[in-house]
N, C-alpha and C. Protein backbone atom coordinates (compact mmCIF):
# COMPACT_ATOMS: atom_id res chain seq x y z
N MET A 1 124.51 97.66 74.69
CA MET A 1 123.84 97.06 75.36
C MET A 1 122.98 98.93 75.91
N THR A 2 121.82 98.61 75.77
CA THR A 2 120.69 99.63 76.41
C THR A 2 120.59 99.15 77.09
N THR A 3 119.99 100.45 78.17
CA THR A 3 119.52 99.83 79.99
C THR A 3 118.08 100.64 79.84
N ASN A 4 116.99 100.79 79.49
CA ASN A 4 116.23 100.65 80.03
C ASN A 4 115.52 101.44 80.70
N THR A 5 114.81 103.03 81.01
CA THR A 5 114.67 104.18 82.28
C THR A 5 113.79 103.77 82.64
N LEU A 6 113.38 103.76 83.79
CA LEU A 6 112.21 103.51 84.82
C LEU A 6 111.31 104.40 84.47
N ALA A 7 110.11 105.45 83.84
CA ALA A 7 109.71 105.89 83.51
C ALA A 7 109.20 106.60 85.03
N ILE A 8 108.81 107.30 85.41
CA ILE A 8 107.91 108.66 86.59
C ILE A 8 107.16 108.86 86.33
N ASP A 9 106.06 109.80 86.82
CA ASP A 9 104.79 110.74 86.30
C ASP A 9 105.80 111.75 87.41
N ILE A 10 106.47 112.64 87.30
CA ILE A 10 106.51 113.82 88.72
C ILE A 10 105.87 113.99 89.12
N ASP A 11 105.02 114.91 88.74
CA ASP A 11 103.94 115.40 89.24
C ASP A 11 102.73 114.12 90.67
N LYS A 12 103.48 113.34 90.35
CA LYS A 12 102.84 112.28 91.50
C LYS A 12 103.93 112.13 92.43
N ILE A 13 105.61 112.03 91.95
CA ILE A 13 105.97 112.07 92.94
C ILE A 13 106.05 113.81 93.69
N ARG A 14 105.53 114.87 93.68
CA ARG A 14 105.46 115.67 94.23
C ARG A 14 104.42 115.68 95.19
N ASP A 15 103.25 114.96 94.57
CA ASP A 15 102.30 115.01 95.99
C ASP A 15 102.98 113.70 97.14
N LEU A 16 103.39 114.02 96.90
CA LEU A 16 104.65 113.40 98.32
C LEU A 16 104.62 114.29 99.47
N ILE A 17 104.77 115.95 98.66
CA ILE A 17 105.54 116.86 100.14
C ILE A 17 104.37 116.50 100.81
N GLY A 18 105.15 116.81 101.91
CA GLY A 18 104.42 116.99 103.27
C GLY A 18 103.67 115.91 104.69
N ARG A 19 104.05 114.93 103.32
CA ARG A 19 103.96 113.66 103.88
C ARG A 19 105.17 113.09 104.97
N HIS A 20 104.11 111.93 106.12
CA HIS A 20 105.19 111.90 107.15
C HIS A 20 106.11 110.84 107.16
N VAL A 21 106.74 110.26 106.95
CA VAL A 21 108.17 108.92 107.01
C VAL A 21 108.70 109.00 107.98
N VAL A 22 109.14 107.49 107.95
CA VAL A 22 110.35 106.45 108.35
C VAL A 22 111.15 106.62 107.56
N TYR A 23 113.04 107.34 108.17
CA TYR A 23 113.18 106.36 107.08
C TYR A 23 115.39 106.00 108.37
N LYS A 24 115.19 105.94 108.43
CA LYS A 24 116.62 104.58 108.97
C LYS A 24 116.46 104.78 110.44
N GLY A 25 114.98 104.82 110.77
CA GLY A 25 114.54 105.04 112.62
C GLY A 25 114.56 106.66 112.53
N THR A 26 114.16 107.67 112.17
CA THR A 26 114.14 108.53 112.16
C THR A 26 112.59 108.95 111.60
N GLU A 27 112.03 109.60 112.04
CA GLU A 27 110.56 110.39 111.24
C GLU A 27 111.00 111.64 111.30
N TYR A 28 110.87 112.03 109.72
CA TYR A 28 111.31 112.97 108.83
C TYR A 28 109.20 113.35 108.14
N VAL A 29 109.62 114.87 107.29
CA VAL A 29 108.92 115.26 106.25
C VAL A 29 109.31 115.44 105.35
N ILE A 30 108.39 115.40 103.85
CA ILE A 30 108.73 115.22 102.26
C ILE A 30 108.71 116.93 101.91
N VAL A 31 109.91 117.16 102.30
CA VAL A 31 109.40 119.29 102.36
C VAL A 31 109.67 119.49 101.22
N GLU A 32 110.24 118.29 99.78
CA GLU A 32 111.15 118.70 98.81
C GLU A 32 111.65 117.78 97.53
N VAL A 33 110.24 118.07 96.55
CA VAL A 33 111.57 117.02 95.20
C VAL A 33 112.24 118.19 94.63
N LEU A 34 113.41 116.39 93.98
CA LEU A 34 114.41 117.76 93.58
C LEU A 34 113.90 116.67 91.90
N ASP A 35 113.95 117.45 91.34
CA ASP A 35 113.24 116.99 89.66
C ASP A 35 114.66 116.02 89.16
N GLN A 36 115.58 116.82 89.23
CA GLN A 36 116.88 116.55 87.76
C GLN A 36 117.07 115.01 87.66
N ALA A 37 116.91 114.91 89.78
CA ALA A 37 117.99 113.00 89.81
C ALA A 37 117.02 112.49 89.34
N PRO A 38 115.55 112.46 89.86
CA PRO A 38 114.63 113.20 91.02
C PRO A 38 115.52 112.51 92.37
N ALA A 39 114.94 113.40 93.74
CA ALA A 39 114.68 112.84 94.49
C ALA A 39 114.57 113.45 95.52
N LEU A 40 114.19 112.47 96.56
CA LEU A 40 113.36 113.23 97.67
C LEU A 40 114.31 114.17 99.42
N VAL A 41 113.54 115.26 99.47
CA VAL A 41 114.64 116.02 100.66
C VAL A 41 113.24 115.92 101.66
N LEU A 42 114.22 115.44 102.74
CA LEU A 42 114.01 115.21 103.91
C LEU A 42 114.44 115.60 105.45
N GLU A 43 113.48 116.07 105.96
CA GLU A 43 113.44 116.99 106.74
C GLU A 43 112.86 116.42 108.04
N ALA A 44 113.75 116.45 109.11
CA ALA A 44 113.35 115.77 111.05
C ALA A 44 112.75 116.61 111.18
N ARG A 45 112.72 115.48 112.31
CA ARG A 45 111.64 116.39 113.56
C ARG A 45 112.80 117.43 114.18
N ASP A 46 113.68 116.83 114.49
CA ASP A 46 114.61 116.74 115.49
C ASP A 46 115.79 117.60 114.68
N THR A 47 116.03 118.55 116.16
CA THR A 47 118.03 119.02 115.71
C THR A 47 118.70 118.74 115.89
N VAL A 48 119.06 118.95 114.95
CA VAL A 48 121.03 119.14 115.32
C VAL A 48 121.61 120.23 115.23
N ILE A 49 122.98 120.49 116.02
CA ILE A 49 123.70 121.41 115.83
C ILE A 49 124.77 121.57 114.03
N GLN A 50 124.82 122.80 114.00
CA GLN A 50 124.96 123.26 112.45
C GLN A 50 126.82 124.29 113.03
N ALA A 51 127.59 123.48 111.91
CA ALA A 51 129.06 124.28 111.47
C ALA A 51 128.62 125.45 111.23
N ASP A 52 129.58 126.59 111.26
CA ASP A 52 130.10 127.23 110.31
C ASP A 52 130.97 126.53 109.60
N GLN A 53 131.69 127.75 108.60
CA GLN A 53 132.53 127.90 107.56
C GLN A 53 133.83 127.76 108.45
N HIS A 54 133.71 127.76 109.79
CA HIS A 54 135.19 127.82 110.51
C HIS A 54 134.37 126.58 111.97
N GLY A 55 133.97 125.53 111.46
CA GLY A 55 133.43 124.21 112.61
C GLY A 55 133.28 125.28 114.19
N GLU A 56 133.00 126.03 114.35
CA GLU A 56 131.99 126.65 115.29
C GLU A 56 130.88 126.50 115.16
N ALA A 57 130.24 125.41 116.20
CA ALA A 57 129.03 125.33 116.10
C ALA A 57 128.39 126.47 116.64
N HIS A 58 127.23 127.18 116.36
CA HIS A 58 126.28 128.09 116.79
C HIS A 58 124.80 127.94 116.32
N ARG A 59 123.66 126.92 115.37
CA ARG A 59 122.71 127.50 115.50
C ARG A 59 122.36 125.93 115.67
N ARG A 60 121.02 125.59 116.32
CA ARG A 60 119.90 124.11 116.19
C ARG A 60 119.14 123.95 114.40
N VAL A 61 119.91 122.96 113.37
CA VAL A 61 119.17 123.12 112.21
C VAL A 61 118.03 122.15 112.43
N PRO A 62 117.27 121.47 111.46
CA PRO A 62 116.47 120.53 110.96
C PRO A 62 117.69 119.45 110.74
N ASN A 63 117.69 118.05 110.68
CA ASN A 63 118.67 117.39 109.98
C ASN A 63 117.90 117.21 108.59
N THR A 64 119.02 117.32 107.27
CA THR A 64 117.90 116.72 106.62
C THR A 64 118.39 115.30 105.78
N GLU A 65 118.07 115.31 104.75
CA GLU A 65 118.89 113.69 103.72
C GLU A 65 117.91 114.04 102.85
N THR A 66 118.50 112.98 101.31
CA THR A 66 118.50 113.61 100.25
C THR A 66 118.10 112.15 99.68
N VAL A 67 117.12 111.80 99.47
CA VAL A 67 116.39 110.40 99.28
C VAL A 67 116.50 110.05 97.00
N PRO A 68 117.32 109.14 97.27
CA PRO A 68 116.83 109.23 95.50
C PRO A 68 116.12 108.29 95.57
N VAL A 69 114.67 109.21 94.21
CA VAL A 69 114.02 108.19 93.61
C VAL A 69 114.69 106.46 92.14
N LEU A 70 114.88 106.81 92.58
CA LEU A 70 115.79 105.92 90.76
C LEU A 70 117.24 105.66 91.67
N ASN A 71 117.12 103.99 90.91
CA ASN A 71 118.77 103.61 91.50
C ASN A 71 119.64 103.95 90.37
N SER A 72 121.00 104.27 90.22
CA SER A 72 121.78 104.18 89.55
C SER A 72 122.30 104.47 88.13
N HIS A 73 121.01 103.45 88.24
CA HIS A 73 120.70 102.89 86.21
C HIS A 73 120.20 103.95 85.22
N GLY A 74 118.70 104.32 86.78
CA GLY A 74 117.39 104.87 86.07
C GLY A 74 116.91 103.71 85.27
N ASN A 75 117.23 102.35 86.22
CA ASN A 75 115.81 101.30 85.75
C ASN A 75 115.13 100.95 87.03
N GLY A 76 115.02 101.60 87.57
CA GLY A 76 114.88 100.27 89.18
C GLY A 76 114.42 102.38 90.43
N TYR A 77 113.54 101.21 91.71
CA TYR A 77 113.85 102.61 92.62
C TYR A 77 115.23 102.01 93.35
N SER A 78 116.06 103.39 93.64
CA SER A 78 116.89 103.65 94.98
C SER A 78 116.21 102.14 96.17
N LEU A 79 117.11 101.42 96.73
CA LEU A 79 117.63 101.01 97.63
C LEU A 79 116.50 101.62 98.40
N ALA A 80 117.31 102.93 98.19
CA ALA A 80 117.67 104.01 99.98
C ALA A 80 115.29 104.58 99.96
N TYR A 81 115.53 104.47 98.78
CA TYR A 81 113.49 104.87 98.57
C TYR A 81 112.66 103.96 98.80
N LEU A 82 112.44 102.77 98.18
CA LEU A 82 111.92 101.21 98.75
C LEU A 82 112.28 100.88 100.08
N ASN A 83 113.42 102.25 101.01
CA ASN A 83 113.18 102.10 102.44
C ASN A 83 112.58 102.20 103.03
N ILE A 84 111.77 103.51 102.99
CA ILE A 84 110.66 104.60 102.92
C ILE A 84 109.31 103.90 103.85
N HIS A 85 109.50 104.44 104.49
CA HIS A 85 108.12 103.83 105.28
C HIS A 85 107.23 105.27 105.44
N PHE A 86 105.82 104.74 104.58
CA PHE A 86 105.16 106.32 104.52
C PHE A 86 104.47 105.74 106.00
N LEU A 87 103.85 107.12 107.24
CA LEU A 87 103.34 107.41 107.84
C LEU A 87 101.48 107.21 107.73
N ASP A 88 101.79 107.29 106.96
CA ASP A 88 100.09 108.71 106.78
C ASP A 88 99.55 107.63 105.63
N GLU A 89 99.86 106.23 105.80
CA GLU A 89 98.90 106.22 104.22
C GLU A 89 97.71 105.53 103.96
């Protein structure tokens, strides 16, 4: 049994960098595209407290989310990707 892989244009996905989106009720900016998976890296405008390797909080950093573009079979878009709302369309 063969599974068809969804063909995507990674250059068009890279063109999404800088776009403002809402994901899981939070506003983010797409800051990077990971080519291997492919996936979008989203960075929130709000910051969270980041713990060091010992679990002690020392600094505030932007919250990030990595959203896969394709589902686990590679034959369609991931549910997470489909739940991204682009603000600047």
